[in-house]
């Protein structure tokens, strides 16, 4: 496939946490995680605050119609700088991008709890209705909790062309409420006002760290709960690219990526590709980071090594954009 050798896109530095005791350790004020930001779009974008949509829109330059992408961050909420960077890079590559806020922004929930999936439906509808955007060539990109969201949303929209999910999960997890130290007993998502079933967190193991909270996904005693919370990926039709690091210390993104692909294969779901990097962690997903960037030496903070994460980002970046270009290309009209 052409995407294996192509050019560039993305940038998500989204941090996901879950569980009980560890939430207090990893709350923003204790762990240095980014506070919720709602950034202005800058000179090449416009603020969107209409039709139940809050976000920043970055229309592609030049004559359209252009493919459109809804881009989601993770548990950082708001309209953060990592996803803004991604949107700007995608815009330069000829995509029209909606950076969509789903909590921590005006008109949205204050916490990542019971977020209506209809919010994402509205974002897609808004994007597809914009002048210069081809509504038949839409894609989703998300990282961490945003990856969880894009996989769920894809099951509702068979018309989507592509999904790129960084550090994804095969099940829905509980929400996150920083006002309660991150703890939540609520689902992250709702549909039609009803909670999406979630996988319960396992207990916190100090020696193993954050990833221990998500080990319940691998516990045979929790198999029934995992099946209830499983994302029904077979309902999606969009071709998907999943990116993960085998050395994750946040959650087991690579095993969960393989579970997504296995379910899709077993149940007649979409074609799924996985980019898995042995020496990378939860910061595997994003554009290359220059060595003189202050963030470079922190690339190992959620698993893997600095060099491993940097190499993974450099390798995956061109593959992601090439995948998006290929999957959102105009299709010939059917012959009469």
Foldseek 3Di string as FASTA:
>chain_A
DQLLPFFFFFFADADDFADDPCLLCCQCVNNVDDAQDADALPDQWHFDDDPLWGWIKHAADDAALFEEEEEEYAQNFHQDDRRSRRCVRVSPVGYIYTDTTAECDPSHHPWLFAGELVSVVSVLVVQCPDPSYPNQQYEYEYEDNGLQSRLLNLLVDQSYLEYEYELHAQFFAQIFDSVNSGYDPGTSHDYPSHGQQHQAFDHDDVVLARQNRQCLCVDPVRVVSRVSGGRQQQSGAYEYEYEAEPFFSNHRSVVRLVVSQVNCVVNVGYHYHYHYFHQAYSLLEGAADDPPDPCLCVRCVGTGHSVRSNVSRPSVGRSVVSVSCVRRPDDDDDDD
